[in-house]
Amino acid sequence: MTATDFDFVVVGGGPSGATAAHDLSSEGWRVLLLDRQGRPKPCGGAIPPRLIKDFDIPDHLLVAKIKCARMISPADKQVDMHIDNGYVGMVDRQDFDEFLRVRAAQ
């Protein structure tokens, strides 16, 4: 394979890169997705319901459905943020990112 075998090269297989690769390949483009292994992301993995629907994220990837989040300052002041009319889905980034990469490859 050479670089000319692909229409696009996507560098990074996190949610944005894997989704871009999936969308491009769904449109018939030849896509190479490059990702460095062994780097699970430490971020929270919160996904709003609209994105769950729009990106067809299966329910089995949601490890929790959060209806309230609490922020605590260094001075121990607390603020609760309630999610009105729904929830925010929480995913394990290692499993979620791999699902997106596999889906893009298919």
PDB file of N, CA and C in Angstrom:
ATOM      1  N   MET A   1       0.820  -1.188   0.000  1.00  0.00           N
ATOM      2  CA  MET A   1       0.000   0.000   0.000  1.00  0.00           C
ATOM      3  C   MET A   1       0.862   1.249   0.000  1.00  0.00           C
ATOM      4  N   THR A   2       0.402   2.228  -0.697  1.00  0.00           N
ATOM      5  CA  THR A   2       1.089   3.524  -0.725  1.00  0.00           C
ATOM      6  C   THR A   2       0.116   4.610  -0.292  1.00  0.00           C
ATOM      7  N   ALA A   3       0.642   5.790  -0.088  1.00  0.00           N
ATOM      8  CA  ALA A   3      -0.202   6.912   0.327  1.00  0.00           C
ATOM      9  C   ALA A   3      -1.271   7.224  -0.715  1.00  0.00           C
ATOM     10  N   THR A   4      -1.008   6.893  -1.979  1.00  0.00           N
ATOM     11  CA  THR A   4      -1.987   7.188  -3.017  1.00  0.00           C
ATOM     12  C   THR A   4      -3.140   6.189  -3.047  1.00  0.00           C
ATOM     13  N   ASP A   5      -3.064   5.143  -2.202  1.00  0.00           N
ATOM     14  CA  ASP A   5      -4.163   4.181  -2.112  1.00  0.00           C
ATOM     15  C   ASP A   5      -5.343   4.729  -1.315  1.00  0.00           C
ATOM     16  N   PHE A   6      -5.170   5.894  -0.690  1.00  0.00           N
ATOM     17  CA  PHE A   6      -6.206   6.462   0.170  1.00  0.00           C
ATOM     18  C   PHE A   6      -6.572   7.864  -0.275  1.00  0.00           C
ATOM     19  N   ASP A   7      -7.832   8.192  -0.089  1.00  0.00           N
ATOM     20  CA  ASP A   7      -8.282   9.561  -0.341  1.00  0.00           C
ATOM     21  C   ASP A   7      -8.027  10.452   0.870  1.00  0.00           C
ATOM     22  N   PHE A   8      -8.123   9.859   2.060  1.00  0.00           N
ATOM     23  CA  PHE A   8      -7.933  10.597   3.306  1.00  0.00           C
ATOM     24  C   PHE A   8      -7.120   9.761   4.274  1.00  0.00           C
ATOM     25  N   VAL A   9      -6.292  10.430   5.062  1.00  0.00           N
ATOM     26  CA  VAL A   9      -5.609   9.813   6.193  1.00  0.00           C
ATOM     27  C   VAL A   9      -6.066  10.579   7.425  1.00  0.00           C
ATOM     28  N   VAL A  10      -6.663   9.863   8.364  1.00  0.00           N
ATOM     29  CA  VAL A  10      -7.126  10.463   9.613  1.00  0.00           C
ATOM     30  C   VAL A  10      -6.142  10.049  10.696  1.00  0.00           C
ATOM     31  N   VAL A  11      -5.559  11.028  11.369  1.00  0.00           N
ATOM     32  CA  VAL A  11      -4.586  10.762  12.416  1.00  0.00           C
ATOM     33  C   VAL A  11      -5.266  10.951  13.766  1.00  0.00           C
ATOM     34  N   GLY A  12      -5.350   9.874  14.512  1.00  0.00           N
ATOM     35  CA  GLY A  12      -5.983   9.892  15.827  1.00  0.00           C
ATOM     36  C   GLY A  12      -7.302   9.169  15.801  1.00  0.00           C
ATOM     37  N   GLY A  13      -7.410   8.099  16.583  1.00  0.00           N
ATOM     38  CA  GLY A  13      -8.613   7.274  16.588  1.00  0.00           C
ATOM     39  C   GLY A  13      -9.494   7.479  17.795  1.00  0.00           C
ATOM     40  N   GLY A  14      -9.484   8.689  18.348  1.00  0.00           N
ATOM     41  CA  GLY A  14     -10.432   9.005  19.412  1.00  0.00           C
ATOM     42  C   GLY A  14     -11.813   9.221  18.797  1.00  0.00           C
ATOM     43  N   PRO A  15     -12.767   9.715  19.573  1.00  0.00           N
ATOM     44  CA  PRO A  15     -14.123   9.892  19.048  1.00  0.00           C
ATOM     45  C   PRO A  15     -14.197  10.743  17.780  1.00  0.00           C
ATOM     46  N   SER A  16     -13.472  11.836  17.721  1.00  0.00           N
ATOM     47  CA  SER A  16     -13.543  12.695  16.533  1.00  0.00           C
ATOM     48  C   SER A  16     -12.919  12.033  15.313  1.00  0.00           C
ATOM     49  N   GLY A  17     -11.721  11.497  15.473  1.00  0.00           N
ATOM     50  CA  GLY A  17     -11.043  10.860  14.350  1.00  0.00           C
ATOM     51  C   GLY A  17     -11.771   9.627  13.852  1.00  0.00           C
ATOM     52  N   ALA A  18     -12.220   8.768  14.771  1.00  0.00           N
ATOM     53  CA  ALA A  18     -12.928   7.548  14.369  1.00  0.00           C
ATOM     54  C   ALA A  18     -14.260   7.880  13.702  1.00  0.00           C
ATOM     55  N   THR A  19     -14.950   8.896  14.204  1.00  0.00           N
ATOM     56  CA  THR A  19     -16.219   9.297  13.586  1.00  0.00           C
ATOM     57  C   THR A  19     -15.976   9.902  12.206  1.00  0.00           C
ATOM     58  N   ALA A  20     -14.927  10.717  12.074  1.00  0.00           N
ATOM     59  CA  ALA A  20     -14.598  11.275  10.762  1.00  0.00           C
ATOM     60  C   ALA A  20     -14.271  10.161   9.773  1.00  0.00           C
ATOM     61  N   ALA A  21     -13.473   9.180  10.201  1.00  0.00           N
ATOM     62  CA  ALA A  21     -13.119   8.058   9.324  1.00  0.00           C
ATOM     63  C   ALA A  21     -14.364   7.274   8.928  1.00  0.00           C
ATOM     64  N   HIS A  22     -15.250   7.043   9.872  1.00  0.00           N
ATOM     65  CA  HIS A  22     -16.496   6.317   9.589  1.00  0.00           C
ATOM     66  C   HIS A  22     -17.354   7.080   8.590  1.00  0.00           C
ATOM     67  N   ASP A  23     -17.540   8.369   8.821  1.00  0.00           N
ATOM     68  CA  ASP A  23     -18.371   9.180   7.927  1.00  0.00           C
ATOM     69  C   ASP A  23     -17.787   9.242   6.520  1.00  0.00           C
ATOM     70  N   LEU A  24     -16.482   9.428   6.418  1.00  0.00           N
ATOM     71  CA  LEU A  24     -15.843   9.480   5.102  1.00  0.00           C
ATOM     72  C   LEU A  24     -15.964   8.152   4.370  1.00  0.00           C
ATOM     73  N   SER A  25     -15.696   7.048   5.077  1.00  0.00           N
ATOM     74  CA  SER A  25     -15.780   5.735   4.420  1.00  0.00           C
ATOM     75  C   SER A  25     -17.220   5.397   4.050  1.00  0.00           C
ATOM     76  N   SER A  26     -18.183   5.872   4.841  1.00  0.00           N
ATOM     77  CA  SER A  26     -19.597   5.649   4.515  1.00  0.00           C
ATOM     78  C   SER A  26     -19.995   6.345   3.220  1.00  0.00           C
ATOM     79  N   GLU A  27     -19.271   7.404   2.884  1.00  0.00           N
ATOM     80  CA  GLU A  27     -19.531   8.144   1.643  1.00  0.00           C
ATOM     81  C   GLU A  27     -18.741   7.578   0.460  1.00  0.00           C
ATOM     82  N   GLY A  28     -17.993   6.492   0.709  1.00  0.00           N
ATOM     83  CA  GLY A  28     -17.273   5.833  -0.380  1.00  0.00           C
ATOM     84  C   GLY A  28     -15.824   6.225  -0.535  1.00  0.00           C
ATOM     85  N   TRP A  29     -15.315   7.092   0.341  1.00  0.00           N
ATOM     86  CA  TRP A  29     -13.914   7.482   0.270  1.00  0.00           C
ATOM     87  C   TRP A  29     -13.038   6.357   0.817  1.00  0.00           C
ATOM     88  N   ARG A  30     -11.819   6.271   0.332  1.00  0.00           N
ATOM     89  CA  ARG A  30     -10.823   5.315   0.845  1.00  0.00           C
ATOM     90  C   ARG A  30     -10.076   6.016   1.978  1.00  0.00           C
ATOM     91  N   VAL A  31     -10.186   5.458   3.182  1.00  0.00           N
ATOM     92  CA  VAL A  31      -9.697   6.139   4.381  1.00  0.00           C
ATOM     93  C   VAL A  31      -8.711   5.260   5.136  1.00  0.00           C
ATOM     94  N   LEU A  32      -7.608   5.854   5.554  1.00  0.00           N
ATOM     95  CA  LEU A  32      -6.652   5.206   6.447  1.00  0.00           C
ATOM     96  C   LEU A  32      -6.769   5.905   7.795  1.00  0.00           C
ATOM     97  N   LEU A  33      -7.075   5.142   8.849  1.00  0.00           N
ATOM     98  CA  LEU A  33      -7.165   5.684  10.208  1.00  0.00           C
ATOM     99  C   LEU A  33      -5.937   5.230  10.982  1.00  0.00           C
ATOM    100  N   LEU A  34      -5.145   6.181  11.440  1.00  0.00           N
ATOM    101  CA  LEU A  34      -3.942   5.891  12.222  1.00  0.00           C
ATOM    102  C   LEU A  34      -4.191   6.243  13.679  1.00  0.00           C
ATOM    103  N   ASP A  35      -3.841   5.311  14.565  1.00  0.00           N
ATOM    104  CA  ASP A  35      -4.023   5.562  15.987  1.00  0.00           C
ATOM    105  C   ASP A  35      -2.903   4.897  16.764  1.00  0.00           C
ATOM    106  N   ARG A  36      -2.420   5.573  17.770  1.00  0.00           N
ATOM    107  CA  ARG A  36      -1.395   5.030  18.645  1.00  0.00           C
ATOM    108  C   ARG A  36      -2.078   4.176  19.714  1.00  0.00           C
ATOM    109  N   GLN A  37      -1.637   2.951  19.881  1.00  0.00           N
ATOM    110  CA  GLN A  37      -2.261   2.069  20.868  1.00  0.00           C
ATOM    111  C   GLN A  37      -1.726   2.343  22.267  1.00  0.00           C
ATOM    112  N   GLY A  38      -2.503   1.876  23.255  1.00  0.00           N
ATOM    113  CA  GLY A  38      -2.054   1.950  24.631  1.00  0.00           C
ATOM    114  C   GLY A  38      -2.163   3.322  25.261  1.00  0.00           C
ATOM    115  N   ARG A  39      -3.143   4.088  24.860  1.00  0.00           N
ATOM    116  CA  ARG A  39      -3.278   5.433  25.414  1.00  0.00           C
ATOM    117  C   ARG A  39      -4.721   5.744  25.778  1.00  0.00           C
ATOM    118  N   PRO A  40      -5.325   4.989  26.696  1.00  0.00           N
ATOM    119  CA  PRO A  40      -6.704   5.333  27.074  1.00  0.00           C
ATOM    120  C   PRO A  40      -6.773   6.756  27.614  1.00  0.00           C
ATOM    121  N   LYS A  41      -7.802   7.463  27.238  1.00  0.00           N
ATOM    122  CA  LYS A  41      -7.978   8.851  27.650  1.00  0.00           C
ATOM    123  C   LYS A  41      -8.540   8.925  29.061  1.00  0.00           C
ATOM    124  N   PRO A  42      -8.049   9.848  29.867  1.00  0.00           N
ATOM    125  CA  PRO A  42      -8.542   9.977  31.245  1.00  0.00           C
ATOM    126  C   PRO A  42      -9.797  10.826  31.376  1.00  0.00           C
ATOM    127  N   CYS A  43     -10.332  11.372  30.262  1.00  0.00           N
ATOM    128  CA  CYS A  43     -11.481  12.268  30.388  1.00  0.00           C
ATOM    129  C   CYS A  43     -12.728  11.512  30.832  1.00  0.00           C
ATOM    130  N   GLY A  44     -13.729  12.255  31.238  1.00  0.00           N
ATOM    131  CA  GLY A  44     -14.904  11.677  31.869  1.00  0.00           C
ATOM    132  C   GLY A  44     -15.775  10.784  31.019  1.00  0.00           C
ATOM    133  N   GLY A  45     -15.812  10.977  29.729  1.00  0.00           N
ATOM    134  CA  GLY A  45     -16.630  10.118  28.882  1.00  0.00           C
ATOM    135  C   GLY A  45     -18.111  10.458  28.898  1.00  0.00           C
ATOM    136  N   ALA A  46     -18.450  11.720  29.076  1.00  0.00           N
ATOM    137  CA  ALA A  46     -19.855  12.130  29.093  1.00  0.00           C
ATOM    138  C   ALA A  46     -20.336  12.392  27.663  1.00  0.00           C
ATOM    139  N   ILE A  47     -21.509  11.819  27.324  1.00  0.00           N
ATOM    140  CA  ILE A  47     -22.075  11.982  25.985  1.00  0.00           C
ATOM    141  C   ILE A  47     -23.534  12.408  26.119  1.00  0.00           C
ATOM    142  N   PRO A  48     -23.881  13.569  25.572  1.00  0.00           N
ATOM    143  CA  PRO A  48     -25.271  14.029  25.640  1.00  0.00           C
ATOM    144  C   PRO A  48     -26.200  13.112  24.834  1.00  0.00           C
ATOM    145  N   PRO A  49     -27.461  13.012  25.246  1.00  0.00           N
ATOM    146  CA  PRO A  49     -28.414  12.136  24.550  1.00  0.00           C
ATOM    147  C   PRO A  49     -28.534  12.425  23.056  1.00  0.00           C
ATOM    148  N   ARG A  50     -28.427  13.674  22.658  1.00  0.00           N
ATOM    149  CA  ARG A  50     -28.533  14.009  21.230  1.00  0.00           C
ATOM    150  C   ARG A  50     -27.430  13.322  20.424  1.00  0.00           C
ATOM    151  N   LEU A  51     -26.203  13.300  20.972  1.00  0.00           N
ATOM    152  CA  LEU A  51     -25.109  12.637  20.275  1.00  0.00           C
ATOM    153  C   LEU A  51     -25.273  11.121  20.292  1.00  0.00           C
ATOM    154  N   ILE A  52     -25.814  10.592  21.381  1.00  0.00           N
ATOM    155  CA  ILE A  52     -26.081   9.153  21.440  1.00  0.00           C
ATOM    156  C   ILE A  52     -27.018   8.765  20.305  1.00  0.00           C
ATOM    157  N   LYS A  53     -28.028   9.591  20.093  1.00  0.00           N
ATOM    158  CA  LYS A  53     -28.995   9.331  19.017  1.00  0.00           C
ATOM    159  C   LYS A  53     -28.378   9.575  17.641  1.00  0.00           C
ATOM    160  N   ASP A  54     -27.790  10.746  17.444  1.00  0.00           N
ATOM    161  CA  ASP A  54     -27.255  11.121  16.132  1.00  0.00           C
ATOM    162  C   ASP A  54     -26.145  10.186  15.649  1.00  0.00           C
ATOM    163  N   PHE A  55     -25.325   9.695  16.573  1.00  0.00           N
ATOM    164  CA  PHE A  55     -24.206   8.835  16.196  1.00  0.00           C
ATOM    165  C   PHE A  55     -24.490   7.359  16.448  1.00  0.00           C
ATOM    166  N   ASP A  56     -25.764   7.042  16.749  1.00  0.00           N
ATOM    167  CA  ASP A  56     -26.210   5.661  16.887  1.00  0.00           C
ATOM    168  C   ASP A  56     -25.314   4.862  17.837  1.00  0.00           C
ATOM    169  N   ILE A  57     -25.155   5.392  19.046  1.00  0.00           N
ATOM    170  CA  ILE A  57     -24.334   4.732  20.060  1.00  0.00           C
ATOM    171  C   ILE A  57     -25.196   3.700  20.781  1.00  0.00           C
ATOM    172  N   PRO A  58     -24.804   2.417  20.754  1.00  0.00           N
ATOM    173  CA  PRO A  58     -25.626   1.395  21.397  1.00  0.00           C
ATOM    174  C   PRO A  58     -25.658   1.556  22.925  1.00  0.00           C
ATOM    175  N   ASP A  59     -26.799   1.224  23.493  1.00  0.00           N
ATOM    176  CA  ASP A  59     -27.028   1.390  24.928  1.00  0.00           C
ATOM    177  C   ASP A  59     -26.031   0.585  25.771  1.00  0.00           C
ATOM    178  N   HIS A  60     -25.550  -0.540  25.254  1.00  0.00           N
ATOM    179  CA  HIS A  60     -24.644  -1.371  26.064  1.00  0.00           C
ATOM    180  C   HIS A  60     -23.302  -0.682  26.339  1.00  0.00           C
ATOM    181  N   LEU A  61     -22.984   0.383  25.592  1.00  0.00           N
ATOM    182  CA  LEU A  61     -21.747   1.121  25.857  1.00  0.00           C
ATOM    183  C   LEU A  61     -21.894   2.130  26.990  1.00  0.00           C
ATOM    184  N   LEU A  62     -23.126   2.433  27.375  1.00  0.00           N
ATOM    185  CA  LEU A  62     -23.347   3.394  28.460  1.00  0.00           C
ATOM    186  C   LEU A  62     -23.182   2.686  29.802  1.00  0.00           C
ATOM    187  N   VAL A  63     -22.213   3.123  30.572  1.00  0.00           N
ATOM    188  CA  VAL A  63     -21.983   2.511  31.879  1.00  0.00           C
ATOM    189  C   VAL A  63     -22.827   3.191  32.955  1.00  0.00           C
ATOM    190  N   ALA A  64     -23.368   4.366  32.637  1.00  0.00           N
ATOM    191  CA  ALA A  64     -24.253   5.074  33.570  1.00  0.00           C
ATOM    192  C   ALA A  64     -25.030   6.130  32.798  1.00  0.00           C
ATOM    193  N   LYS A  65     -26.186   6.505  33.349  1.00  0.00           N
ATOM    194  CA  LYS A  65     -26.987   7.603  32.820  1.00  0.00           C
ATOM    195  C   LYS A  65     -27.120   8.617  33.955  1.00  0.00           C
ATOM    196  N   ILE A  66     -26.417   9.727  33.816  1.00  0.00           N
ATOM    197  CA  ILE A  66     -26.296  10.707  34.888  1.00  0.00           C
ATOM    198  C   ILE A  66     -27.397  11.764  34.773  1.00  0.00           C
ATOM    199  N   LYS A  67     -28.082  12.017  35.891  1.00  0.00           N
ATOM    200  CA  LYS A  67     -29.136  13.032  35.918  1.00  0.00           C
ATOM    201  C   LYS A  67     -28.732  14.269  36.715  1.00  0.00           C
ATOM    202  N   CYS A  68     -27.570  14.179  37.374  1.00  0.00           N
ATOM    203  CA  CYS A  68     -27.069  15.311  38.148  1.00  0.00           C
ATOM    204  C   CYS A  68     -25.550  15.187  38.272  1.00  0.00           C
ATOM    205  N   ALA A  69     -24.875  16.319  38.155  1.00  0.00           N
ATOM    206  CA  ALA A  69     -23.424  16.349  38.352  1.00  0.00           C
ATOM    207  C   ALA A  69     -23.117  17.331  39.474  1.00  0.00           C
ATOM    208  N   ARG A  70     -22.128  17.010  40.268  1.00  0.00           N
ATOM    209  CA  ARG A  70     -21.736  17.877  41.376  1.00  0.00           C
ATOM    210  C   ARG A  70     -20.321  18.373  41.136  1.00  0.00           C
ATOM    211  N   MET A  71     -20.147  19.673  41.194  1.00  0.00           N
ATOM    212  CA  MET A  71     -18.815  20.277  41.101  1.00  0.00           C
ATOM    213  C   MET A  71     -18.416  20.726  42.499  1.00  0.00           C
ATOM    214  N   ILE A  72     -17.169  20.425  42.856  1.00  0.00           N
ATOM    215  CA  ILE A  72     -16.656  20.791  44.179  1.00  0.00           C
ATOM    216  C   ILE A  72     -15.384  21.599  43.983  1.00  0.00           C
ATOM    217  N   SER A  73     -15.362  22.802  44.548  1.00  0.00           N
ATOM    218  CA  SER A  73     -14.202  23.688  44.411  1.00  0.00           C
ATOM    219  C   SER A  73     -13.111  23.271  45.392  1.00  0.00           C
ATOM    220  N   PRO A  74     -11.892  23.784  45.191  1.00  0.00           N
ATOM    221  CA  PRO A  74     -10.821  23.519  46.162  1.00  0.00           C
ATOM    222  C   PRO A  74     -11.176  24.009  47.569  1.00  0.00           C
ATOM    223  N   ALA A  75     -12.066  25.003  47.664  1.00  0.00           N
ATOM    224  CA  ALA A  75     -12.501  25.512  48.967  1.00  0.00           C
ATOM    225  C   ALA A  75     -13.687  24.706  49.509  1.00  0.00           C
ATOM    226  N   ASP A  76     -14.003  23.586  48.864  1.00  0.00           N
ATOM    227  CA  ASP A  76     -15.068  22.666  49.251  1.00  0.00           C
ATOM    228  C   ASP A  76     -16.469  23.254  49.079  1.00  0.00           C
ATOM    229  N   LYS A  77     -16.613  24.260  48.223  1.00  0.00           N
ATOM    230  CA  LYS A  77     -17.953  24.748  47.877  1.00  0.00           C
ATOM    231  C   LYS A  77     -18.507  23.815  46.812  1.00  0.00           C
ATOM    232  N   GLN A  78     -19.804  23.488  46.923  1.00  0.00           N
ATOM    233  CA  GLN A  78     -20.409  22.514  46.023  1.00  0.00           C
ATOM    234  C   GLN A  78     -21.582  23.112  45.264  1.00  0.00           C
ATOM    235  N   VAL A  79     -21.690  22.701  44.009  1.00  0.00           N
ATOM    236  CA  VAL A  79     -22.800  23.118  43.163  1.00  0.00           C
ATOM    237  C   VAL A  79     -23.306  21.879  42.448  1.00  0.00           C
ATOM    238  N   ASP A  80     -24.606  21.624  42.554  1.00  0.00           N
ATOM    239  CA  ASP A  80     -25.224  20.519  41.820  1.00  0.00           C
ATOM    240  C   ASP A  80     -25.820  21.058  40.529  1.00  0.00           C
ATOM    241  N   MET A  81     -25.552  20.357  39.440  1.00  0.00           N
ATOM    242  CA  MET A  81     -26.116  20.718  38.137  1.00  0.00           C
ATOM    243  C   MET A  81     -27.047  19.584  37.711  1.00  0.00           C
ATOM    244  N   HIS A  82     -28.338  19.857  37.763  1.00  0.00           N
ATOM    245  CA  HIS A  82     -29.332  18.851  37.400  1.00  0.00           C
ATOM    246  C   HIS A  82     -29.550  18.865  35.893  1.00  0.00           C
ATOM    247  N   ILE A  83     -29.698  17.689  35.323  1.00  0.00           N
ATOM    248  CA  ILE A  83     -29.968  17.548  33.896  1.00  0.00           C
ATOM    249  C   ILE A  83     -31.484  17.486  33.735  1.00  0.00           C
ATOM    250  N   ASP A  84     -32.045  18.526  33.162  1.00  0.00           N
ATOM    251  CA  ASP A  84     -33.495  18.581  32.981  1.00  0.00           C
ATOM    252  C   ASP A  84     -33.918  17.718  31.800  1.00  0.00           C
ATOM    253  N   ASN A  85     -35.022  17.013  31.959  1.00  0.00           N
ATOM    254  CA  ASN A  85     -35.638  16.246  30.873  1.00  0.00           C
ATOM    255  C   ASN A  85     -34.697  15.229  30.231  1.00  0.00           C
ATOM    256  N   GLY A  86     -33.941  14.519  31.023  1.00  0.00           N
ATOM    257  CA  GLY A  86     -33.096  13.491  30.424  1.00  0.00           C
ATOM    258  C   GLY A  86     -31.884  13.140  31.247  1.00  0.00           C
ATOM    259  N   TYR A  87     -30.808  12.843  30.560  1.00  0.00           N
ATOM    260  CA  TYR A  87     -29.598  12.359  31.204  1.00  0.00           C
ATOM    261  C   TYR A  87     -28.409  12.625  30.291  1.00  0.00           C
ATOM    262  N   VAL A  88     -27.235  12.454  30.848  1.00  0.00           N
ATOM    263  CA  VAL A  88     -25.997  12.433  30.084  1.00  0.00           C
ATOM    264  C   VAL A  88     -25.452  11.013  30.217  1.00  0.00           C
ATOM    265  N   GLY A  89     -25.163  10.377  29.083  1.00  0.00           N
ATOM    266  CA  GLY A  89     -24.627   9.019  29.098  1.00  0.00           C
ATOM    267  C   GLY A  89     -23.140   9.040  29.399  1.00  0.00           C
ATOM    268  N   MET A  90     -22.699   8.110  30.212  1.00  0.00           N
ATOM    269  CA  MET A  90     -21.287   7.988  30.555  1.00  0.00           C
ATOM    270  C   MET A  90     -20.744   6.707  29.927  1.00  0.00           C
ATOM    271  N   VAL A  91     -19.575   6.827  29.298  1.00  0.00           N
ATOM    272  CA  VAL A  91     -18.946   5.669  28.669  1.00  0.00           C
ATOM    273  C   VAL A  91     -17.550   5.461  29.234  1.00  0.00           C
ATOM    274  N   ASP A  92     -17.077   4.234  29.146  1.00  0.00           N
ATOM    275  CA  ASP A  92     -15.683   3.911  29.428  1.00  0.00           C
ATOM    276  C   ASP A  92     -14.927   4.220  28.140  1.00  0.00           C
ATOM    277  N   ARG A  93     -14.036   5.190  28.163  1.00  0.00           N
ATOM    278  CA  ARG A  93     -13.391   5.653  26.928  1.00  0.00           C
ATOM    279  C   ARG A  93     -12.623   4.548  26.216  1.00  0.00           C
ATOM    280  N   GLN A  94     -12.024   3.633  26.957  1.00  0.00           N
ATOM    281  CA  GLN A  94     -11.276   2.563  26.301  1.00  0.00           C
ATOM    282  C   GLN A  94     -12.209   1.712  25.435  1.00  0.00           C
ATOM    283  N   ASP A  95     -13.361   1.327  25.975  1.00  0.00           N
ATOM    284  CA  ASP A  95     -14.331   0.526  25.218  1.00  0.00           C
ATOM    285  C   ASP A  95     -15.011   1.358  24.132  1.00  0.00           C
ATOM    286  N   PHE A  96     -15.372   2.590  24.469  1.00  0.00           N
ATOM    287  CA  PHE A  96     -16.083   3.464  23.540  1.00  0.00           C
ATOM    288  C   PHE A  96     -15.230   3.792  22.318  1.00  0.00           C
ATOM    289  N   ASP A  97     -13.983   4.211  22.559  1.00  0.00           N
ATOM    290  CA  ASP A  97     -13.101   4.560  21.450  1.00  0.00           C
ATOM    291  C   ASP A  97     -12.844   3.354  20.555  1.00  0.00           C
ATOM    292  N   GLU A  98     -12.657   2.191  21.149  1.00  0.00           N
ATOM    293  CA  GLU A  98     -12.435   0.977  20.358  1.00  0.00           C
ATOM    294  C   GLU A  98     -13.678   0.639  19.515  1.00  0.00           C
ATOM    295  N   PHE A  99     -14.859   0.784  20.091  1.00  0.00           N
ATOM    296  CA  PHE A  99     -16.102   0.570  19.331  1.00  0.00           C
ATOM    297  C   PHE A  99     -16.127   1.475  18.108  1.00  0.00           C
ATOM    298  N   LEU A 100     -15.794   2.757  18.284  1.00  0.00           N
ATOM    299  CA  LEU A 100     -15.822   3.697  17.167  1.00  0.00           C
ATOM    300  C   LEU A 100     -14.797   3.342  16.109  1.00  0.00           C
ATOM    301  N   ARG A 101     -13.598   2.905  16.525  1.00  0.00           N
ATOM    302  CA  ARG A 101     -12.565   2.520  15.555  1.00  0.00           C
ATOM    303  C   ARG A 101     -12.991   1.276  14.768  1.00  0.00           C
ATOM    304  N   VAL A 102     -13.541   0.297  15.460  1.00  0.00           N
ATOM    305  CA  VAL A 102     -14.002  -0.927  14.784  1.00  0.00           C
ATOM    306  C   VAL A 102     -15.123  -0.594  13.812  1.00  0.00           C
ATOM    307  N   ARG A 103     -16.060   0.245  14.240  1.00  0.00           N
ATOM    308  CA  ARG A 103     -17.156   0.631  13.354  1.00  0.00           C
ATOM    309  C   ARG A 103     -16.639   1.347  12.111  1.00  0.00           C
ATOM    310  N   ALA A 104     -15.637   2.194  12.279  1.00  0.00           N
ATOM    311  CA  ALA A 104     -15.056   2.883  11.126  1.00  0.00           C
ATOM    312  C   ALA A 104     -14.390   1.888  10.179  1.00  0.00           C
ATOM    313  N   ALA A 105     -13.717   0.877  10.734  1.00  0.00           N
ATOM    314  CA  ALA A 105     -13.040  -0.108   9.903  1.00  0.00           C
ATOM    315  C   ALA A 105     -14.023  -0.971   9.106  1.00  0.00           C
ATOM    316  N   GLN A 106     -15.193  -1.195   9.671  1.00  0.00           N
ATOM    317  CA  GLN A 106     -16.176  -2.034   8.987  1.00  0.00           C
ATOM    318  C   GLN A 106     -16.791  -1.283   7.823  1.00  0.00           C
TER     319      GLN A 106
END
